[in-house]
Amino acid sequence: MLNTCLHHEKHHNFKTLLSLSSSRLLRWTLLLLFTREELEYLDLTSTMENPRSEQERLLPISDQESADSKSSCCGSFKNPVTIFSREDESCYNWLLRSLRRFYKEAEVKTFFISNNSSWTLRIKASSCHFAILYHTKNRGRVNVCDVTDALYDKELETLSKVRGKENVMVVIDDLDDPGPDLKATILQNQPKLKVCAEYVNLFGREETKETREMEDIIKRTVARSHNEYKLMIRLVSAGILLVLFVIIVAIVATKVMIYW
């Protein structure tokens, strides 16, 4: 009689296990792999538990995109933009202000390049979506790369290798005449700029700089890079989840054989 009761109890527990909803089982499995903050970034459980409200769905598309652009990288493993330079931040405060108009302050990082920072530079480059290499002519001349006493030969190559050419921009500041003729001359004399950076932006000495075109480029590129990174994370997560699901099924099947 006791054995029969125990058998029925085990059978009932097993049926209870099988009756768990697939979404709950998925969430339990996800929590084995990631922290809740990482899950919010991956957006794997939030869409099941907290679907977008009706009010958010009724927002105009432009407003939705604006809201998404400000929150898309919150909780992300990578910050949107990092500025790399041998200059002090005070030299490119205008650039920081420009970027922080559409990114949170904590999402725009800076990195000071020194003569022995090559390894740290690589790490910092891998932790952002978009890299900006900043140089000012106030140092004396435009010597970014490919010239005598070039300041950023190896650094530009590293940024391009780690982030990809399409995610690298070079900003050359404080020029006397930042027109198309000067840009063509710089690109001709320093060809590595075209090889390693998708965008080369020149700015003059004026206090108020026109940055709208640059901002649009950065926002589009960061959004694309972020989406690609998010897709990669989801694909890797899906593969891990598939393996875990197979393991869970194997465990359940083993319990079935034991109980019966």
C-alpha atoms as a PDB file:
ATOM      1  CA  MET A   1       0.000   0.000   0.000  1.00  0.00           C
ATOM      2  CA  LEU A   2       2.829   2.394   0.940  1.00  0.00           C
ATOM      3  CA  ASN A   3       4.702   1.573  -2.250  1.00  0.00           C
ATOM      4  CA  THR A   4       1.570   2.283  -4.251  1.00  0.00           C
ATOM      5  CA  CYS A   5       1.160   5.706  -2.575  1.00  0.00           C
ATOM      6  CA  LEU A   6       4.788   6.560  -3.189  1.00  0.00           C
ATOM      7  CA  HIS A   7       4.431   5.528  -6.819  1.00  0.00           C
ATOM      8  CA  HIS A   8       1.345   7.733  -7.227  1.00  0.00           C
ATOM      9  CA  GLU A   9       3.125  10.637  -5.532  1.00  0.00           C
ATOM     10  CA  LYS A  10       6.114  10.309  -7.819  1.00  0.00           C
ATOM     11  CA  HIS A  11       3.841  10.046 -10.828  1.00  0.00           C
ATOM     12  CA  HIS A  12       1.963  13.166  -9.704  1.00  0.00           C
ATOM     13  CA  ASN A  13       5.237  15.090  -9.247  1.00  0.00           C
ATOM     14  CA  PHE A  14       6.359  14.007 -12.673  1.00  0.00           C
ATOM     15  CA  LYS A  15       3.081  15.150 -14.249  1.00  0.00           C
ATOM     16  CA  THR A  16       3.484  18.467 -12.437  1.00  0.00           C
ATOM     17  CA  LEU A  17       6.966  18.838 -13.927  1.00  0.00           C
ATOM     18  CA  LEU A  18       5.660  18.130 -17.401  1.00  0.00           C
ATOM     19  CA  SER A  19       2.801  20.585 -16.932  1.00  0.00           C
ATOM     20  CA  LEU A  20       5.212  23.535 -16.511  1.00  0.00           C
ATOM     21  CA  SER A  21       4.691  26.037 -19.292  1.00  0.00           C
ATOM     22  CA  SER A  22       7.415  26.169 -21.910  1.00  0.00           C
ATOM     23  CA  SER A  23       7.976  29.868 -21.261  1.00  0.00           C
ATOM     24  CA  ARG A  24       8.565  29.260 -17.536  1.00  0.00           C
ATOM     25  CA  LEU A  25      10.970  26.432 -18.309  1.00  0.00           C
ATOM     26  CA  LEU A  26      12.765  28.707 -20.773  1.00  0.00           C
ATOM     27  CA  ARG A  27      13.065  31.462 -18.193  1.00  0.00           C
ATOM     28  CA  TRP A  28      14.456  29.055 -15.615  1.00  0.00           C
ATOM     29  CA  THR A  29      16.991  27.826 -18.131  1.00  0.00           C
ATOM     30  CA  LEU A  30      17.969  31.393 -19.066  1.00  0.00           C
ATOM     31  CA  LEU A  31      18.531  32.309 -15.427  1.00  0.00           C
ATOM     32  CA  LEU A  32      21.106  29.546 -15.227  1.00  0.00           C
ATOM     33  CA  LEU A  33      23.122  31.307 -17.923  1.00  0.00           C
ATOM     34  CA  PHE A  34      22.675  35.036 -17.446  1.00  0.00           C
ATOM     35  CA  THR A  35      22.001  37.651 -14.788  1.00  0.00           C
ATOM     36  CA  ARG A  36      18.683  39.451 -14.897  1.00  0.00           C
ATOM     37  CA  GLU A  37      20.418  42.598 -16.240  1.00  0.00           C
ATOM     38  CA  GLU A  38      21.912  40.580 -19.088  1.00  0.00           C
ATOM     39  CA  LEU A  39      18.519  39.055 -19.829  1.00  0.00           C
ATOM     40  CA  GLU A  40      17.017  42.525 -20.058  1.00  0.00           C
ATOM     41  CA  TYR A  41      19.729  43.422 -22.559  1.00  0.00           C
ATOM     42  CA  LEU A  42      19.123  40.279 -24.590  1.00  0.00           C
ATOM     43  CA  ASP A  43      15.391  41.031 -24.386  1.00  0.00           C
ATOM     44  CA  LEU A  44      14.637  37.291 -24.222  1.00  0.00           C
ATOM     45  CA  THR A  45      12.446  37.264 -21.139  1.00  0.00           C
ATOM     46  CA  SER A  46      11.237  40.848 -20.996  1.00  0.00           C
ATOM     47  CA  THR A  47       9.204  40.356 -24.170  1.00  0.00           C
ATOM     48  CA  MET A  48       7.443  37.395 -22.534  1.00  0.00           C
ATOM     49  CA  GLU A  49       6.888  39.012 -19.134  1.00  0.00           C
ATOM     50  CA  ASN A  50       6.643  42.732 -20.012  1.00  0.00           C
ATOM     51  CA  PRO A  51       5.342  43.267 -23.541  1.00  0.00           C
ATOM     52  CA  ARG A  52       5.399  46.814 -24.866  1.00  0.00           C
ATOM     53  CA  SER A  53       2.453  48.772 -23.537  1.00  0.00           C
ATOM     54  CA  GLU A  54      -0.347  49.990 -25.738  1.00  0.00           C
ATOM     55  CA  GLN A  55       0.727  53.574 -25.103  1.00  0.00           C
ATOM     56  CA  GLU A  56       4.253  52.837 -26.358  1.00  0.00           C
ATOM     57  CA  ARG A  57       2.908  51.057 -29.426  1.00  0.00           C
ATOM     58  CA  LEU A  58       0.804  54.117 -30.276  1.00  0.00           C
ATOM     59  CA  LEU A  59       3.821  56.456 -30.213  1.00  0.00           C
ATOM     60  CA  PRO A  60       4.865  57.896 -33.578  1.00  0.00           C
ATOM     61  CA  ILE A  61       7.666  55.908 -35.171  1.00  0.00           C
ATOM     62  CA  SER A  62      10.106  58.805 -34.830  1.00  0.00           C
ATOM     63  CA  ASP A  63       9.390  59.011 -31.075  1.00  0.00           C
ATOM     64  CA  GLN A  64       9.814  55.262 -30.688  1.00  0.00           C
ATOM     65  CA  GLU A  65      13.165  55.394 -32.476  1.00  0.00           C
ATOM     66  CA  SER A  66      14.272  58.304 -30.291  1.00  0.00           C
ATOM     67  CA  ALA A  67      13.329  56.418 -27.118  1.00  0.00           C
ATOM     68  CA  ASP A  68      14.991  53.251 -28.366  1.00  0.00           C
ATOM     69  CA  SER A  69      18.196  55.083 -29.314  1.00  0.00           C
ATOM     70  CA  LYS A  70      18.554  56.425 -25.763  1.00  0.00           C
ATOM     71  CA  SER A  71      17.933  53.052 -24.123  1.00  0.00           C
ATOM     72  CA  SER A  72      19.269  50.619 -26.715  1.00  0.00           C
ATOM     73  CA  CYS A  73      22.699  50.372 -25.133  1.00  0.00           C
ATOM     74  CA  CYS A  74      21.656  50.618 -21.495  1.00  0.00           C
ATOM     75  CA  GLY A  75      22.746  47.405 -19.835  1.00  0.00           C
ATOM     76  CA  SER A  76      24.695  46.486 -22.957  1.00  0.00           C
ATOM     77  CA  PHE A  77      28.044  44.771 -22.722  1.00  0.00           C
ATOM     78  CA  LYS A  78      29.443  47.546 -24.950  1.00  0.00           C
ATOM     79  CA  ASN A  79      29.222  51.303 -24.687  1.00  0.00           C
ATOM     80  CA  PRO A  80      28.135  53.093 -27.886  1.00  0.00           C
ATOM     81  CA  VAL A  81      31.119  55.394 -28.511  1.00  0.00           C
ATOM     82  CA  THR A  82      34.691  55.775 -27.284  1.00  0.00           C
ATOM     83  CA  ILE A  83      36.979  58.679 -28.210  1.00  0.00           C
ATOM     84  CA  PHE A  84      40.659  57.755 -28.465  1.00  0.00           C
ATOM     85  CA  SER A  85      43.286  60.494 -28.394  1.00  0.00           C
ATOM     86  CA  ARG A  86      46.639  61.682 -27.085  1.00  0.00           C
ATOM     87  CA  GLU A  87      44.947  64.965 -26.151  1.00  0.00           C
ATOM     88  CA  ASP A  88      43.298  65.942 -22.907  1.00  0.00           C
ATOM     89  CA  GLU A  89      39.490  65.829 -22.813  1.00  0.00           C
ATOM     90  CA  SER A  90      39.399  69.619 -22.628  1.00  0.00           C
ATOM     91  CA  CYS A  91      40.563  69.720 -26.271  1.00  0.00           C
ATOM     92  CA  TYR A  92      37.468  67.911 -27.526  1.00  0.00           C
ATOM     93  CA  ASN A  93      34.814  68.956 -25.022  1.00  0.00           C
ATOM     94  CA  TRP A  94      32.711  70.123 -27.957  1.00  0.00           C
ATOM     95  CA  LEU A  95      32.742  66.574 -29.344  1.00  0.00           C
ATOM     96  CA  LEU A  96      31.728  65.096 -25.984  1.00  0.00           C
ATOM     97  CA  ARG A  97      28.876  67.591 -25.690  1.00  0.00           C
ATOM     98  CA  SER A  98      27.725  66.725 -29.195  1.00  0.00           C
ATOM     99  CA  LEU A  99      27.666  62.974 -28.513  1.00  0.00           C
ATOM    100  CA  ARG A 100      25.994  63.356 -25.133  1.00  0.00           C
ATOM    101  CA  ARG A 101      23.041  65.067 -26.734  1.00  0.00           C
ATOM    102  CA  PHE A 102      21.777  61.650 -27.814  1.00  0.00           C
ATOM    103  CA  TYR A 103      23.761  59.262 -25.587  1.00  0.00           C
ATOM    104  CA  LYS A 104      23.921  59.181 -21.814  1.00  0.00           C
ATOM    105  CA  GLU A 105      27.082  60.573 -20.265  1.00  0.00           C
ATOM    106  CA  ALA A 106      28.173  57.142 -19.036  1.00  0.00           C
ATOM    107  CA  GLU A 107      27.782  55.710 -22.551  1.00  0.00           C
ATOM    108  CA  VAL A 108      30.404  57.988 -24.131  1.00  0.00           C
ATOM    109  CA  LYS A 109      33.860  56.917 -22.998  1.00  0.00           C
ATOM    110  CA  THR A 110      37.262  58.474 -23.548  1.00  0.00           C
ATOM    111  CA  PHE A 111      40.663  56.813 -23.693  1.00  0.00           C
ATOM    112  CA  PHE A 112      44.002  58.566 -23.390  1.00  0.00           C
ATOM    113  CA  ILE A 113      46.620  57.022 -25.692  1.00  0.00           C
ATOM    114  CA  SER A 114      50.109  56.744 -24.277  1.00  0.00           C
ATOM    115  CA  ASN A 115      53.229  55.136 -25.689  1.00  0.00           C
ATOM    116  CA  ASN A 116      52.686  51.937 -23.697  1.00  0.00           C
ATOM    117  CA  SER A 117      48.915  51.533 -23.884  1.00  0.00           C
ATOM    118  CA  SER A 118      48.650  49.249 -26.920  1.00  0.00           C
ATOM    119  CA  TRP A 119      47.144  46.303 -25.013  1.00  0.00           C
ATOM    120  CA  THR A 120      44.678  48.459 -23.081  1.00  0.00           C
ATOM    121  CA  LEU A 121      43.762  50.211 -26.329  1.00  0.00           C
ATOM    122  CA  ARG A 122      42.787  46.878 -27.864  1.00  0.00           C
ATOM    123  CA  ILE A 123      40.626  46.014 -24.862  1.00  0.00           C
ATOM    124  CA  LYS A 124      38.895  49.411 -24.903  1.00  0.00           C
ATOM    125  CA  ALA A 125      38.303  49.172 -28.637  1.00  0.00           C
ATOM    126  CA  SER A 126      36.643  45.784 -28.236  1.00  0.00           C
ATOM    127  CA  SER A 127      34.306  47.165 -25.568  1.00  0.00           C
ATOM    128  CA  CYS A 128      32.647  49.833 -27.728  1.00  0.00           C
ATOM    129  CA  HIS A 129      30.522  49.870 -30.866  1.00  0.00           C
ATOM    130  CA  PHE A 130      32.114  52.902 -32.532  1.00  0.00           C
ATOM    131  CA  ALA A 131      35.626  54.349 -32.219  1.00  0.00           C
ATOM    132  CA  ILE A 132      36.587  57.975 -32.835  1.00  0.00           C
ATOM    133  CA  LEU A 133      40.270  58.861 -33.184  1.00  0.00           C
ATOM    134  CA  TYR A 134      40.724  62.542 -32.362  1.00  0.00           C
ATOM    135  CA  HIS A 135      43.679  64.709 -33.442  1.00  0.00           C
ATOM    136  CA  THR A 136      44.167  68.465 -33.236  1.00  0.00           C
ATOM    137  CA  LYS A 137      46.471  70.552 -35.380  1.00  0.00           C
ATOM    138  CA  ASN A 138      47.290  72.569 -32.270  1.00  0.00           C
ATOM    139  CA  ARG A 139      50.066  70.029 -31.770  1.00  0.00           C
ATOM    140  CA  GLY A 140      51.747  71.680 -34.761  1.00  0.00           C
ATOM    141  CA  ARG A 141      50.698  69.750 -37.849  1.00  0.00           C
ATOM    142  CA  VAL A 142      48.420  67.026 -39.200  1.00  0.00           C
ATOM    143  CA  ASN A 143      50.539  63.949 -38.551  1.00  0.00           C
ATOM    144  CA  VAL A 144      48.035  61.190 -37.937  1.00  0.00           C
ATOM    145  CA  CYS A 145      49.720  58.412 -39.926  1.00  0.00           C
ATOM    146  CA  ASP A 146      52.092  57.614 -42.851  1.00  0.00           C
ATOM    147  CA  VAL A 147      54.298  60.651 -42.185  1.00  0.00           C
ATOM    148  CA  THR A 148      57.376  61.418 -40.133  1.00  0.00           C
ATOM    149  CA  ASP A 149      56.617  61.424 -36.397  1.00  0.00           C
ATOM    150  CA  ALA A 150      53.080  60.131 -37.019  1.00  0.00           C
ATOM    151  CA  LEU A 151      51.128  59.955 -33.777  1.00  0.00           C
ATOM    152  CA  TYR A 152      48.578  57.251 -34.530  1.00  0.00           C
ATOM    153  CA  ASP A 153      50.000  54.757 -37.032  1.00  0.00           C
ATOM    154  CA  LYS A 154      49.662  51.639 -34.887  1.00  0.00           C
ATOM    155  CA  GLU A 155      46.654  52.916 -32.973  1.00  0.00           C
ATOM    156  CA  LEU A 156      44.635  53.491 -36.138  1.00  0.00           C
ATOM    157  CA  GLU A 157      45.502  50.009 -37.383  1.00  0.00           C
ATOM    158  CA  THR A 158      44.438  48.493 -34.062  1.00  0.00           C
ATOM    159  CA  LEU A 159      41.095  50.296 -34.031  1.00  0.00           C
ATOM    160  CA  SER A 160      40.404  49.183 -37.585  1.00  0.00           C
ATOM    161  CA  LYS A 161      41.315  45.545 -36.880  1.00  0.00           C
ATOM    162  CA  VAL A 162      39.318  45.331 -33.660  1.00  0.00           C
ATOM    163  CA  ARG A 163      36.254  47.375 -34.605  1.00  0.00           C
ATOM    164  CA  GLY A 164      36.298  47.084 -38.381  1.00  0.00           C
ATOM    165  CA  LYS A 165      36.896  49.969 -40.769  1.00  0.00           C
ATOM    166  CA  GLU A 166      33.169  50.745 -40.978  1.00  0.00           C
ATOM    167  CA  ASN A 167      33.066  51.503 -37.233  1.00  0.00           C
ATOM    168  CA  VAL A 168      36.028  53.893 -37.121  1.00  0.00           C
ATOM    169  CA  MET A 169      36.015  57.675 -37.592  1.00  0.00           C
ATOM    170  CA  VAL A 170      38.990  60.051 -37.568  1.00  0.00           C
ATOM    171  CA  VAL A 171      38.340  63.616 -36.431  1.00  0.00           C
ATOM    172  CA  ILE A 172      40.996  66.233 -37.254  1.00  0.00           C
ATOM    173  CA  ASP A 173      40.365  69.494 -35.436  1.00  0.00           C
ATOM    174  CA  ASP A 174      41.551  73.120 -35.351  1.00  0.00           C
ATOM    175  CA  LEU A 175      42.379  73.400 -39.057  1.00  0.00           C
ATOM    176  CA  ASP A 176      42.760  76.770 -40.751  1.00  0.00           C
ATOM    177  CA  ASP A 177      40.724  75.813 -43.809  1.00  0.00           C
ATOM    178  CA  PRO A 178      38.899  72.465 -43.370  1.00  0.00           C
ATOM    179  CA  GLY A 179      37.616  72.320 -46.944  1.00  0.00           C
ATOM    180  CA  PRO A 180      37.457  69.488 -49.514  1.00  0.00           C
ATOM    181  CA  ASP A 181      40.825  70.448 -51.051  1.00  0.00           C
ATOM    182  CA  LEU A 182      42.639  70.059 -47.736  1.00  0.00           C
ATOM    183  CA  LYS A 183      40.835  66.811 -47.061  1.00  0.00           C
ATOM    184  CA  ALA A 184      41.884  65.403 -50.441  1.00  0.00           C
ATOM    185  CA  THR A 185      45.491  66.406 -49.753  1.00  0.00           C
ATOM    186  CA  ILE A 186      45.477  64.779 -46.310  1.00  0.00           C
ATOM    187  CA  LEU A 187      43.992  61.554 -47.668  1.00  0.00           C
ATOM    188  CA  GLN A 188      46.529  61.478 -50.473  1.00  0.00           C
ATOM    189  CA  ASN A 189      49.522  62.014 -48.187  1.00  0.00           C
ATOM    190  CA  GLN A 190      48.189  59.741 -45.417  1.00  0.00           C
ATOM    191  CA  PRO A 191      46.514  56.850 -47.300  1.00  0.00           C
ATOM    192  CA  LYS A 192      46.139  54.714 -44.192  1.00  0.00           C
ATOM    193  CA  LEU A 193      43.272  57.004 -43.203  1.00  0.00           C
ATOM    194  CA  LYS A 194      41.196  55.668 -46.104  1.00  0.00           C
ATOM    195  CA  VAL A 195      42.291  52.096 -45.465  1.00  0.00           C
ATOM    196  CA  CYS A 196      41.568  52.008 -41.727  1.00  0.00           C
ATOM    197  CA  ALA A 197      38.706  54.482 -41.250  1.00  0.00           C
ATOM    198  CA  GLU A 198      35.387  54.747 -43.026  1.00  0.00           C
ATOM    199  CA  TYR A 199      34.942  58.406 -42.065  1.00  0.00           C
ATOM    200  CA  VAL A 200      37.416  61.297 -41.880  1.00  0.00           C
ATOM    201  CA  ASN A 201      35.912  64.551 -40.585  1.00  0.00           C
ATOM    202  CA  LEU A 202      37.725  67.901 -40.601  1.00  0.00           C
ATOM    203  CA  PHE A 203      36.854  70.814 -38.323  1.00  0.00           C
ATOM    204  CA  GLY A 204      38.120  74.383 -38.130  1.00  0.00           C
ATOM    205  CA  ARG A 205      39.028  76.592 -35.228  1.00  0.00           C
ATOM    206  CA  GLU A 206      35.574  78.115 -34.843  1.00  0.00           C
ATOM    207  CA  GLU A 207      34.035  77.766 -31.380  1.00  0.00           C
ATOM    208  CA  THR A 208      30.682  76.518 -32.709  1.00  0.00           C
ATOM    209  CA  LYS A 209      31.149  73.529 -34.990  1.00  0.00           C
ATOM    210  CA  GLU A 210      28.640  71.981 -37.370  1.00  0.00           C
ATOM    211  CA  THR A 211      28.326  68.383 -36.203  1.00  0.00           C
ATOM    212  CA  ARG A 212      24.906  67.296 -37.479  1.00  0.00           C
ATOM    213  CA  GLU A 213      26.230  65.171 -40.340  1.00  0.00           C
ATOM    214  CA  MET A 214      28.788  63.531 -38.074  1.00  0.00           C
ATOM    215  CA  GLU A 215      26.123  62.833 -35.446  1.00  0.00           C
ATOM    216  CA  ASP A 216      23.855  61.178 -38.011  1.00  0.00           C
ATOM    217  CA  ILE A 217      26.711  58.953 -39.184  1.00  0.00           C
ATOM    218  CA  ILE A 218      27.563  57.907 -35.625  1.00  0.00           C
ATOM    219  CA  LYS A 219      23.952  57.203 -34.652  1.00  0.00           C
ATOM    220  CA  ARG A 220      23.335  55.064 -37.740  1.00  0.00           C
ATOM    221  CA  THR A 221      26.593  53.159 -37.393  1.00  0.00           C
ATOM    222  CA  VAL A 222      26.206  52.529 -33.660  1.00  0.00           C
ATOM    223  CA  ALA A 223      22.621  51.338 -34.132  1.00  0.00           C
ATOM    224  CA  ARG A 224      23.707  48.907 -36.867  1.00  0.00           C
ATOM    225  CA  SER A 225      26.664  47.626 -34.860  1.00  0.00           C
ATOM    226  CA  HIS A 226      24.530  47.258 -31.744  1.00  0.00           C
ATOM    227  CA  ASN A 227      21.890  45.260 -33.633  1.00  0.00           C
ATOM    228  CA  GLU A 228      24.540  42.987 -35.147  1.00  0.00           C
ATOM    229  CA  TYR A 229      26.076  42.419 -31.720  1.00  0.00           C
ATOM    230  CA  LYS A 230      22.667  41.744 -30.201  1.00  0.00           C
ATOM    231  CA  LEU A 231      21.868  39.245 -32.960  1.00  0.00           C
ATOM    232  CA  MET A 232      25.177  37.461 -32.382  1.00  0.00           C
ATOM    233  CA  ILE A 233      24.459  37.200 -28.646  1.00  0.00           C
ATOM    234  CA  ARG A 234      20.985  35.841 -29.358  1.00  0.00           C
ATOM    235  CA  LEU A 235      22.309  33.228 -31.774  1.00  0.00           C
ATOM    236  CA  VAL A 236      24.916  32.069 -29.261  1.00  0.00           C
ATOM    237  CA  SER A 237      22.291  32.042 -26.516  1.00  0.00           C
ATOM    238  CA  ALA A 238      19.887  30.083 -28.693  1.00  0.00           C
ATOM    239  CA  GLY A 239      22.559  27.458 -29.327  1.00  0.00           C
ATOM    240  CA  ILE A 240      23.285  27.138 -25.601  1.00  0.00           C
ATOM    241  CA  LEU A 241      19.576  26.978 -24.809  1.00  0.00           C
ATOM    242  CA  LEU A 242      19.097  24.232 -27.380  1.00  0.00           C
ATOM    243  CA  VAL A 243      21.847  22.172 -25.734  1.00  0.00           C
ATOM    244  CA  LEU A 244      20.326  22.755 -22.284  1.00  0.00           C
ATOM    245  CA  PHE A 245      16.876  21.833 -23.550  1.00  0.00           C
ATOM    246  CA  VAL A 246      18.224  18.552 -24.913  1.00  0.00           C
ATOM    247  CA  ILE A 247      19.861  17.883 -21.534  1.00  0.00           C
ATOM    248  CA  ILE A 248      16.607  18.643 -19.691  1.00  0.00           C
ATOM    249  CA  VAL A 249      14.663  16.339 -22.011  1.00  0.00           C
ATOM    250  CA  ALA A 250      17.232  13.593 -21.401  1.00  0.00           C
ATOM    251  CA  ILE A 251      16.930  14.059 -17.621  1.00  0.00           C
ATOM    252  CA  VAL A 252      13.129  13.968 -17.790  1.00  0.00           C
ATOM    253  CA  ALA A 253      13.206  10.879 -19.978  1.00  0.00           C
ATOM    254  CA  THR A 254      15.541   9.188 -17.491  1.00  0.00           C
ATOM    255  CA  LYS A 255      13.166  10.016 -14.630  1.00  0.00           C
ATOM    256  CA  VAL A 256      10.284   8.566 -16.625  1.00  0.00           C
ATOM    257  CA  MET A 257      12.134   5.302 -16.963  1.00  0.00           C
ATOM    258  CA  ILE A 258      12.981   5.281 -13.216  1.00  0.00           C
ATOM    259  CA  TYR A 259       9.447   6.139 -12.056  1.00  0.00           C
ATOM    260  CA  TRP A 260       7.801   3.642 -14.364  1.00  0.00           C
END
